[in-house]
């Protein structure tokens, strides 16, 4: 079944349990606290219709419906506990605190009742849902489409351990051979080719999980393979070594009998990603409205600085490798790249006088608020590059492709440190800071980068 079916089913369950929880809570409040017969007044019906929508919004921001097929029982209980705790606090201060009660202790009693009732009904409904979902996934052919990279003795051991696990949720599509000697797994799984065929195999078989069965001490080969797989959607698991365990760079998970470690696809919690996108949209709308006089002035300045259009549109590579048109104020003379793609340098004669000022203050980047509103970019994220330079960078450092897992940004840590890169070497230097950002990204770090970007704008310290 499609994910949309499971999402719709869980949404219906959550709306029903939230509505039932409010009905039971309202009944107990009137009978036990107010000591009067139950009466379904206007507040009862409003709560019955509107409060489930409040809870639904809370769950969406929390990421409950994200990767719905991985919503197993323990995760369901954790999500329900966290959402009910914070949601109950919000309802206490917005609704319950205005109630007329005989004693302040009744406030605590009401809050505890709401918490217990809502948590019990929500958890029960979700556990039933998760149980049905797990049984469906365990059925033949419905598990997560899994590819094994490597065909040695260790790969056979992992395959057999997973296959024998009572809660096996993997559907193995085959394996990829790493070298000429690791073809032993062909007796158990379909041989789908070698490492050079990796990308096409992932697409053809719609792979959801990859198990890399080579020693994690083989860092160069492991890094190369992971860089080719890691698109932010595929789960990657590798064999553990003591260094990776002690370094804490990955989360240890016991995957149904086989000891593997899962590479954390995104350190930013889903709720922060939701808030980040909401902040991007709202801030960009406000910026576009407030900066209208600046845009008019800048447009006039660019138009009179040299012949040519006001805006400069260029193909860049965005999230997931998808191209988009980045929007900037034109800072160079017309046909500045008639000889082919070129990076700007200090004192570049192709840059107009007004363009030089705009680059120092980063004002040429402001039209990219439009890209943010359109969902192509974020306020903070790795700077998007052209495919021409990405090909050169990845030939030297394949890890660059990690940066395309998220929306590119108007500003980034690398941009704050280096500004405009003048050559591929500087791009690689800037990339290191953006990779560190990817491994540590959070709303707090985004705000810090935005703060330093504002300082650069006002001090005109940009490169």
Protein backbone atom coordinates (compact mmCIF):
# COMPACT_ATOMS: atom_id res chain seq x y z
CA UNK A 1 0.00 0.00 0.00
CA UNK A 2 1.11 3.56 -0.62
CA UNK A 3 2.33 5.70 2.27
CA UNK A 4 -0.61 8.04 1.73
CA UNK A 5 -3.03 5.30 2.75
CA UNK A 6 -1.20 4.71 6.05
CA UNK A 7 -0.94 8.45 6.71
CA UNK A 8 -4.68 8.92 6.08
CA UNK A 9 -5.48 5.97 8.35
CA UNK A 10 -3.34 7.27 11.22
CA UNK A 11 -4.72 10.81 10.82
CA UNK A 12 -8.26 9.42 11.14
CA UNK A 13 -7.26 7.45 14.25
CA UNK A 14 -5.59 10.52 15.81
CA UNK A 15 -8.60 12.75 15.10
CA UNK A 16 -10.99 10.16 16.56
CA UNK A 17 -8.94 9.58 19.72
CA UNK A 18 -8.37 13.31 20.28
CA UNK A 19 -12.09 13.98 19.92
CA UNK A 20 -12.97 11.07 22.25
CA UNK A 21 -10.39 12.23 24.82
CA UNK A 22 -11.95 15.70 24.92
CA UNK A 23 -15.47 14.27 25.25
CA UNK A 24 -14.48 12.05 28.20
CA UNK A 25 -12.50 14.88 29.82
CA UNK A 26 -15.41 17.33 29.46
CA UNK A 27 -17.81 14.81 31.00
CA UNK A 28 -15.54 14.19 34.01
CA UNK A 29 -14.93 17.90 34.50
CA UNK A 30 -18.63 18.70 34.71
CA UNK A 31 -19.58 15.70 36.85
CA UNK A 32 -16.55 15.50 39.18
CA UNK A 33 -15.19 19.07 39.41
CA UNK A 34 -18.28 21.19 38.79
CA UNK A 35 -20.58 18.63 40.50
CA UNK A 36 -23.44 19.04 38.04
CA UNK A 37 -25.16 16.86 35.44
CA UNK A 38 -23.42 16.52 32.08
CA UNK A 39 -24.56 19.08 29.53
CA UNK A 40 -23.15 19.31 26.01
CA UNK A 41 -22.89 23.10 25.74
CA UNK A 42 -21.22 25.21 23.03
CA UNK A 43 -17.75 24.71 24.55
CA UNK A 44 -18.19 20.96 24.36
CA UNK A 45 -18.98 21.00 20.64
CA UNK A 46 -16.27 23.56 19.85
CA UNK A 47 -13.70 21.41 21.62
CA UNK A 48 -14.99 18.29 19.91
CA UNK A 49 -14.46 19.87 16.48
CA UNK A 50 -11.48 22.21 16.93
CA UNK A 51 -9.19 20.53 19.47
CA UNK A 52 -8.50 17.51 17.23
CA UNK A 53 -7.24 19.96 14.61
CA UNK A 54 -4.93 21.51 17.23
CA UNK A 55 -3.52 18.07 18.04
CA UNK A 56 -3.18 17.24 14.35
CA UNK A 57 -1.10 20.38 13.76
CA UNK A 58 1.02 19.45 16.77
CA UNK A 59 1.63 15.98 15.36
CA UNK A 60 2.53 17.33 11.92
CA UNK A 61 5.13 19.69 13.37
CA UNK A 62 6.45 16.85 15.49
CA UNK A 63 6.97 14.71 12.38
CA UNK A 64 4.60 11.91 13.39
CA UNK A 65 3.52 11.29 9.79
CA UNK A 66 7.03 11.50 8.36
CA UNK A 67 8.33 8.10 7.19
CA UNK A 68 5.05 6.54 8.25
CA UNK A 69 6.14 2.95 7.47
CA UNK A 70 8.89 3.23 10.10
CA UNK A 71 6.45 4.19 12.84
CA UNK A 72 6.95 1.17 15.09
CA UNK A 73 5.45 0.65 18.55
CA UNK A 74 8.24 2.07 20.70
CA UNK A 75 8.56 5.13 18.49
CA UNK A 76 4.78 5.57 18.59
CA UNK A 77 4.78 5.60 22.38
CA UNK A 78 7.68 8.07 22.55
CA UNK A 79 5.99 10.45 20.10
CA UNK A 80 2.65 10.17 21.91
CA UNK A 81 4.20 10.88 25.31
CA UNK A 82 6.12 13.95 24.10
CA UNK A 83 3.20 15.39 22.12
CA UNK A 84 0.68 14.83 24.92
CA UNK A 85 2.94 16.41 27.53
CA UNK A 86 3.62 19.63 25.59
CA UNK A 87 0.12 19.77 24.08
CA UNK A 88 -1.47 19.46 27.53
CA UNK A 89 0.70 22.33 28.80
CA UNK A 90 -0.47 24.52 25.91
CA UNK A 91 -4.13 23.67 26.56
CA UNK A 92 -3.69 24.28 30.29
CA UNK A 93 -2.53 27.86 29.78
CA UNK A 94 -4.96 28.63 26.92
CA UNK A 95 -8.14 26.86 28.07
CA UNK A 96 -8.09 25.29 31.52
CA UNK A 97 -6.61 28.24 33.39
CA UNK A 98 -9.78 30.26 32.74
CA UNK A 99 -12.06 27.64 34.30
CA UNK A 100 -14.02 28.53 37.40
CA UNK A 101 -12.93 25.99 40.02
CA UNK A 102 -13.41 25.59 43.75
CA UNK A 103 -9.70 25.20 44.52
CA UNK A 104 -6.42 25.74 42.72
CA UNK A 105 -5.81 22.02 43.22
CA UNK A 106 -8.58 21.42 40.70
CA UNK A 107 -6.32 22.96 38.03
CA UNK A 108 -3.73 20.26 38.65
CA UNK A 109 -6.42 17.61 38.73
CA UNK A 110 -7.87 18.76 35.40
CA UNK A 111 -4.44 18.86 33.77
CA UNK A 112 -3.53 15.37 34.98
CA UNK A 113 -6.89 14.03 33.80
CA UNK A 114 -6.47 15.54 30.34
CA UNK A 115 -2.92 14.20 30.09
CA UNK A 116 -3.82 10.65 31.15
CA UNK A 117 -7.01 10.41 29.07
CA UNK A 118 -5.45 11.81 25.92
CA UNK A 119 -2.24 9.78 26.28
CA UNK A 120 -4.12 6.53 26.96
CA UNK A 121 -6.52 6.81 24.03
CA UNK A 122 -3.88 8.11 21.60
CA UNK A 123 -1.32 5.48 22.57
CA UNK A 124 -3.86 2.67 22.33
CA UNK A 125 -5.04 3.74 18.88
CA UNK A 126 -1.51 4.17 17.61
CA UNK A 127 -0.21 0.87 19.02
CA UNK A 128 -3.06 -0.93 17.25
CA UNK A 129 -2.16 0.96 14.06
CA UNK A 130 1.55 0.15 14.44
CA UNK A 131 0.79 -3.52 15.01
CA UNK A 132 -1.28 -3.69 11.81
CA UNK A 133 1.46 -1.83 9.93
CA UNK A 134 4.23 -4.12 11.20
CA UNK A 135 2.28 -7.24 10.25
CA UNK A 136 1.77 -5.78 6.78
CA UNK A 137 5.48 -4.96 6.36
CA UNK A 138 6.48 -8.46 7.57
CA UNK A 139 4.32 -10.02 4.88
CA UNK A 140 6.21 -11.34 1.85
CA UNK A 141 7.28 -8.61 -0.55
CA UNK A 142 6.13 -5.69 1.63
CA UNK A 143 9.35 -5.15 3.59
CA UNK A 144 11.86 -2.37 3.04
CA UNK A 145 13.65 -2.97 -0.25
CA UNK A 146 17.20 -3.72 0.85
CA UNK A 147 20.46 -3.95 -1.09
CA UNK A 148 23.63 -5.54 0.29
CA UNK A 149 26.93 -4.05 -0.87
CA UNK A 150 29.51 -6.81 -0.68
CA UNK A 151 29.27 -10.56 -1.10
CA UNK A 152 31.84 -11.96 1.32
CA UNK A 153 31.40 -14.28 4.31
CA UNK A 154 30.35 -11.36 6.52
CA UNK A 155 27.63 -10.40 4.03
CA UNK A 156 26.29 -13.96 4.13
CA UNK A 157 26.31 -13.90 7.94
CA UNK A 158 24.36 -10.61 8.07
CA UNK A 159 21.88 -11.81 5.46
CA UNK A 160 21.20 -15.06 7.33
CA UNK A 161 20.86 -13.30 10.70
CA UNK A 162 18.32 -10.85 9.30
CA UNK A 163 16.46 -13.58 7.46
CA UNK A 164 16.14 -15.66 10.65
CA UNK A 165 14.98 -12.74 12.83
CA UNK A 166 11.37 -13.09 14.05
CA UNK A 167 10.54 -9.50 13.13
CA UNK A 168 12.29 -9.43 9.75
CA UNK A 169 11.20 -6.31 7.86
CA UNK A 170 13.70 -6.35 4.97
CA UNK A 171 12.91 -7.44 1.43
CA UNK A 172 16.27 -8.18 -0.20
CA UNK A 173 16.46 -7.20 -3.87
CA UNK A 174 20.03 -8.48 -4.36
CA UNK A 175 23.64 -7.57 -3.76
CA UNK A 176 26.43 -5.53 -5.35
CA UNK A 177 29.89 -6.99 -5.73
CA UNK A 178 32.71 -4.80 -4.35
CA UNK A 179 35.70 -6.71 -5.70
CA UNK A 180 36.44 -9.80 -7.76
CA UNK A 181 36.53 -12.15 -4.77
CA UNK A 182 33.34 -11.35 -2.84
CA UNK A 183 30.79 -13.22 -4.94
CA UNK A 184 29.83 -15.80 -2.31
CA UNK A 185 26.41 -14.23 -1.68
CA UNK A 186 25.30 -15.15 -5.21
CA UNK A 187 24.18 -18.54 -3.83
CA UNK A 188 21.53 -16.71 -1.77
CA UNK A 189 20.74 -13.42 -3.55
CA UNK A 190 20.61 -12.02 -7.07
CA UNK A 191 23.88 -10.51 -8.27
CA UNK A 192 22.98 -7.01 -9.53
CA UNK A 193 26.41 -5.87 -10.69
CA UNK A 194 29.43 -4.12 -9.29
CA UNK A 195 30.03 -0.79 -7.53
CA UNK A 196 30.09 1.25 -10.80
CA UNK A 197 26.46 0.10 -11.34
CA UNK A 198 25.41 1.23 -7.85
CA UNK A 199 23.39 4.36 -8.72
CA UNK A 200 21.40 2.68 -11.49
CA UNK A 201 20.63 -0.31 -9.24
CA UNK A 202 19.32 1.99 -6.49
CA UNK A 203 16.94 3.69 -8.92
CA UNK A 204 15.85 0.58 -10.83
CA UNK A 205 14.97 -1.40 -7.71
CA UNK A 206 13.72 1.60 -5.66
CA UNK A 207 16.05 0.66 -2.82
CA UNK A 208 15.08 1.95 0.65
CA UNK A 209 17.92 0.46 2.73
CA UNK A 210 21.55 -0.40 1.99
CA UNK A 211 23.72 -2.66 4.14
CA UNK A 212 27.41 -2.18 3.42
CA UNK A 213 29.12 -5.46 4.29
CA UNK A 214 32.74 -4.33 4.12
CA UNK A 215 34.92 -3.56 7.11
CA UNK A 216 34.46 0.00 8.34
CA UNK A 217 38.23 0.18 8.82
CA UNK A 218 38.47 0.33 5.00
CA UNK A 219 37.74 4.06 5.24
CA UNK A 220 38.53 5.16 1.67
CA UNK A 221 36.35 2.55 -0.01
CA UNK A 222 33.59 2.97 2.58
CA UNK A 223 33.56 6.75 2.18
CA UNK A 224 33.37 6.48 -1.59
CA UNK A 225 30.43 4.06 -1.47
CA UNK A 226 28.52 6.05 1.16
CA UNK A 227 28.94 9.26 -0.85
CA UNK A 228 27.33 7.59 -3.85
CA UNK A 229 24.41 6.26 -1.83
CA UNK A 230 23.65 8.99 0.68
CA UNK A 231 20.80 11.10 -0.69
CA UNK A 232 18.99 11.69 2.60
CA UNK A 233 16.28 9.13 1.75
CA UNK A 234 18.05 5.77 1.79
CA UNK A 235 18.89 4.23 5.18
CA UNK A 236 22.54 3.14 5.31
CA UNK A 237 23.90 0.56 7.75
CA UNK A 238 27.51 -0.53 8.10
CA UNK A 239 29.58 -2.95 10.16
CA UNK A 240 30.73 -1.49 13.50
CA UNK A 241 34.28 -0.89 14.61
CA UNK A 242 35.51 0.41 17.97
CA UNK A 243 36.48 3.81 16.58
CA UNK A 244 33.01 4.61 15.23
CA UNK A 245 31.38 3.37 18.45
CA UNK A 246 33.63 5.41 20.76
CA UNK A 247 33.54 8.51 18.56
CA UNK A 248 29.75 8.58 18.82
CA UNK A 249 29.44 9.69 15.20
CA UNK A 250 26.64 7.20 14.51
CA UNK A 251 23.77 5.69 16.48
CA UNK A 252 24.10 2.06 17.50
CA UNK A 253 21.08 -0.08 16.66
CA UNK A 254 20.53 -3.80 17.00
CA UNK A 255 18.77 -4.53 13.72
CA UNK A 256 16.77 -7.65 14.51
CA UNK A 257 19.70 -9.89 15.38
CA UNK A 258 22.48 -8.38 13.23
CA UNK A 259 24.77 -5.91 14.96
CA UNK A 260 24.98 -2.95 12.59
CA UNK A 261 25.30 0.79 12.98
CA UNK A 262 23.03 3.19 11.17
CA UNK A 263 24.45 6.36 9.73
CA UNK A 264 22.35 9.23 11.04
CA UNK A 265 20.76 10.80 7.94
CA UNK A 266 19.92 14.11 9.59
CA UNK A 267 20.93 15.42 13.01
CA UNK A 268 18.23 18.12 12.98
CA UNK A 269 15.02 16.82 14.59
CA UNK A 270 11.97 16.83 12.33
CA UNK A 271 10.17 19.46 14.41
CA UNK A 272 13.13 21.81 13.95
CA UNK A 273 13.07 21.17 10.21
CA UNK A 274 9.36 22.05 10.19
CA UNK A 275 9.97 25.23 12.17
CA UNK A 276 12.95 26.08 9.94
CA UNK A 277 10.82 25.85 6.78
CA UNK A 278 8.06 27.93 8.42
CA UNK A 279 10.63 30.57 9.47
CA UNK A 280 12.11 30.57 5.97
CA UNK A 281 8.73 31.23 4.39
CA UNK A 282 7.47 33.86 6.86
CA UNK A 283 10.78 35.74 7.10
CA UNK A 284 11.15 35.81 3.31
CA UNK A 285 7.62 37.13 2.79
CA UNK A 286 8.24 39.88 5.37
CA UNK A 287 11.64 40.68 3.81
CA UNK A 288 10.19 40.94 0.29
CA UNK A 289 7.49 43.33 1.54
CA UNK A 290 9.79 45.46 3.70
CA UNK A 291 12.57 45.67 1.11
CA UNK A 292 10.41 46.91 -1.78
CA UNK A 293 11.99 50.42 -1.68
CA UNK A 294 15.46 48.84 -1.66
CA UNK A 295 14.57 46.60 -4.59
CA UNK A 296 13.37 49.59 -6.59
CA UNK A 297 16.53 51.56 -5.82
CA UNK A 298 18.79 48.58 -6.57
CA UNK A 299 16.98 47.85 -9.82
CA UNK A 300 17.52 51.43 -10.98
CA UNK A 301 21.19 51.34 -9.93
CA UNK A 302 21.84 48.06 -11.76
CA UNK A 303 20.00 49.24 -14.87
CA UNK A 304 22.06 52.41 -15.15
CA UNK A 305 25.36 50.74 -14.19
CA UNK A 306 25.64 48.93 -17.52
CA UNK A 307 23.45 47.63 -20.37
CA UNK A 308 21.64 44.41 -19.64
CA UNK A 309 18.85 42.93 -17.49
CA UNK A 310 18.34 43.85 -13.85
CA UNK A 311 18.18 40.32 -12.60
CA UNK A 312 20.65 37.51 -13.26
CA UNK A 313 19.21 34.01 -13.55
CA UNK A 314 21.54 31.03 -13.47
CA UNK A 315 21.11 27.26 -13.25
CA UNK A 316 22.16 25.87 -9.87
CA UNK A 317 21.87 22.42 -8.32
CA UNK A 318 19.40 22.24 -5.43
CA UNK A 319 18.15 19.64 -3.00
CA UNK A 320 18.30 16.10 -4.32
CA UNK A 321 20.40 17.23 -7.29
CA UNK A 322 17.43 19.00 -8.91
CA UNK A 323 18.37 22.11 -10.93
CA UNK A 324 16.66 25.46 -10.38
CA UNK A 325 17.10 29.08 -11.46
CA UNK A 326 18.79 31.18 -8.80
CA UNK A 327 17.76 34.86 -8.80
CA UNK A 328 20.31 37.60 -8.13
CA UNK A 329 20.80 41.25 -8.97
CA UNK A 330 23.18 41.39 -11.92
CA UNK A 331 26.66 42.44 -10.77
CA UNK A 332 28.63 41.79 -13.97
CA UNK A 333 28.70 43.23 -17.45
CA UNK A 334 26.68 41.46 -20.11
CA UNK A 335 28.24 38.30 -21.64
CA UNK A 336 30.69 38.00 -18.76
CA UNK A 337 30.88 34.24 -19.33
CA UNK A 338 30.93 34.12 -23.11
CA UNK A 339 34.19 32.13 -22.87
CA UNK A 340 32.57 29.59 -20.53
CA UNK A 341 31.93 29.26 -16.77
CA UNK A 342 34.34 31.37 -14.71
CA UNK A 343 34.53 32.17 -11.01
CA UNK A 344 34.92 35.79 -9.96
CA UNK A 345 38.21 36.94 -8.47
CA UNK A 346 39.45 39.93 -6.48
CA UNK A 347 39.47 42.92 -8.81
CA UNK A 348 37.58 41.01 -11.52
CA UNK A 349 37.10 43.44 -14.45
CA UNK A 350 33.81 41.77 -15.34
CA UNK A 351 32.16 43.18 -12.18
CA UNK A 352 30.46 46.57 -12.48
CA UNK A 353 31.18 49.34 -9.92
CA UNK A 354 27.73 48.98 -8.33
CA UNK A 355 28.11 45.20 -8.54
CA UNK A 356 31.32 45.36 -6.50
CA UNK A 357 29.50 47.19 -3.71
CA UNK A 358 26.55 44.81 -3.84
CA UNK A 359 28.85 41.79 -3.56
CA UNK A 360 30.66 43.22 -0.54
CA UNK A 361 27.36 43.85 1.23
CA UNK A 362 25.72 40.67 -0.15
CA UNK A 363 22.87 42.81 -1.43
CA UNK A 364 22.94 40.98 -4.76
CA UNK A 365 21.68 37.90 -2.92
CA UNK A 366 18.47 39.52 -1.63
CA UNK A 367 16.25 38.53 -4.59
CA UNK A 368 16.86 34.93 -3.51
CA UNK A 369 14.11 35.46 -0.92
CA UNK A 370 11.90 34.64 -3.92
CA UNK A 371 13.70 31.29 -4.28
CA UNK A 372 13.09 30.65 -0.57
CA UNK A 373 9.35 31.36 -0.87
CA UNK A 374 9.19 29.00 -3.86
CA UNK A 375 10.77 26.25 -1.74
CA UNK A 376 13.95 26.02 -3.81
CA UNK A 377 16.21 27.50 -1.15
CA UNK A 378 16.46 28.14 2.58
CA UNK A 379 17.74 31.15 4.52
CA UNK A 380 20.68 29.09 5.82
CA UNK A 381 22.20 26.13 4.04
CA UNK A 382 25.13 25.16 1.81
CA UNK A 383 25.52 27.53 -1.11
CA UNK A 384 24.23 26.05 -4.40
CA UNK A 385 26.80 25.52 -7.14
CA UNK A 386 26.67 24.94 -10.88
CA UNK A 387 26.90 21.42 -12.22
CA UNK A 388 30.09 22.40 -14.07
CA UNK A 389 31.91 22.99 -10.77
CA UNK A 390 30.18 20.20 -8.87
CA UNK A 391 31.66 17.72 -11.34
CA UNK A 392 35.13 19.10 -10.64
CA UNK A 393 34.63 19.12 -6.86
CA UNK A 394 33.21 15.59 -6.62
CA UNK A 395 36.09 14.23 -8.73
CA UNK A 396 38.37 15.38 -5.88
CA UNK A 397 36.04 15.03 -2.90
CA UNK A 398 32.91 12.84 -3.38
CA UNK A 399 31.56 13.94 0.03
CA UNK A 400 30.39 17.16 -1.60
CA UNK A 401 27.19 15.35 -2.65
CA UNK A 402 26.18 15.25 1.04
CA UNK A 403 25.44 18.97 0.72
CA UNK A 404 22.68 18.35 -1.83
CA UNK A 405 20.60 16.48 0.76
CA UNK A 406 19.13 19.76 2.03
CA UNK A 407 17.86 22.98 0.51
CA UNK A 408 20.73 25.31 -0.41
CA UNK A 409 20.84 28.60 1.46
CA UNK A 410 21.14 32.32 0.85
CA UNK A 411 23.93 32.25 3.40
CA UNK A 412 26.00 29.50 4.97
CA UNK A 413 28.86 29.01 7.39
CA UNK A 414 31.19 28.54 4.45
CA UNK A 415 29.87 31.75 2.87
CA UNK A 416 30.42 33.69 6.08
CA UNK A 417 34.01 32.39 6.29
CA UNK A 418 35.03 32.58 2.62
CA UNK A 419 32.49 34.62 0.70
CA UNK A 420 32.67 34.04 -3.05
CA UNK A 421 35.11 31.26 -3.95
CA UNK A 422 37.67 32.20 -6.61
CA UNK A 423 38.69 28.64 -7.55
CA UNK A 424 37.92 24.98 -6.92
CA UNK A 425 40.47 24.86 -4.07
CA UNK A 426 38.55 27.56 -2.20
CA UNK A 427 35.30 25.74 -2.95
CA UNK A 428 36.78 22.68 -1.26
CA UNK A 429 37.81 24.79 1.75
CA UNK A 430 34.33 26.28 1.97
CA UNK A 431 32.84 22.81 1.61
CA UNK A 432 34.53 21.66 4.84
CA UNK A 433 32.63 24.26 6.85
CA UNK A 434 29.37 23.37 5.12
CA UNK A 435 29.92 19.67 5.86
CA UNK A 436 30.49 20.50 9.52
CA UNK A 437 27.28 22.55 9.42
CA UNK A 438 25.44 19.52 8.00
CA UNK A 439 26.64 17.35 10.90
CA UNK A 440 25.63 19.94 13.51
CA UNK A 441 22.77 21.88 11.99
CA UNK A 442 20.11 23.21 14.31
CA UNK A 443 17.90 26.27 14.64
CA UNK A 444 20.39 27.80 17.08
CA UNK A 445 23.25 27.40 14.59
CA UNK A 446 21.10 28.86 11.80
CA UNK A 447 20.36 31.94 13.92
CA UNK A 448 24.06 32.36 14.68
CA UNK A 449 24.99 32.20 10.98
CA UNK A 450 22.23 34.69 10.12
CA UNK A 451 23.53 37.04 12.84
CA UNK A 452 27.05 37.03 11.38
CA UNK A 453 25.65 37.49 7.89
CA UNK A 454 23.84 40.65 9.04
CA UNK A 455 27.14 41.95 10.45
CA UNK A 456 28.83 41.34 7.09
CA UNK A 457 26.03 43.22 5.30
CA UNK A 458 26.29 46.28 7.55
CA UNK A 459 30.12 46.29 7.63
CA UNK A 460 30.44 45.55 3.90
CA UNK A 461 33.01 42.88 4.70
CA UNK A 462 31.89 40.43 2.05
CA UNK A 463 34.33 39.09 -0.46
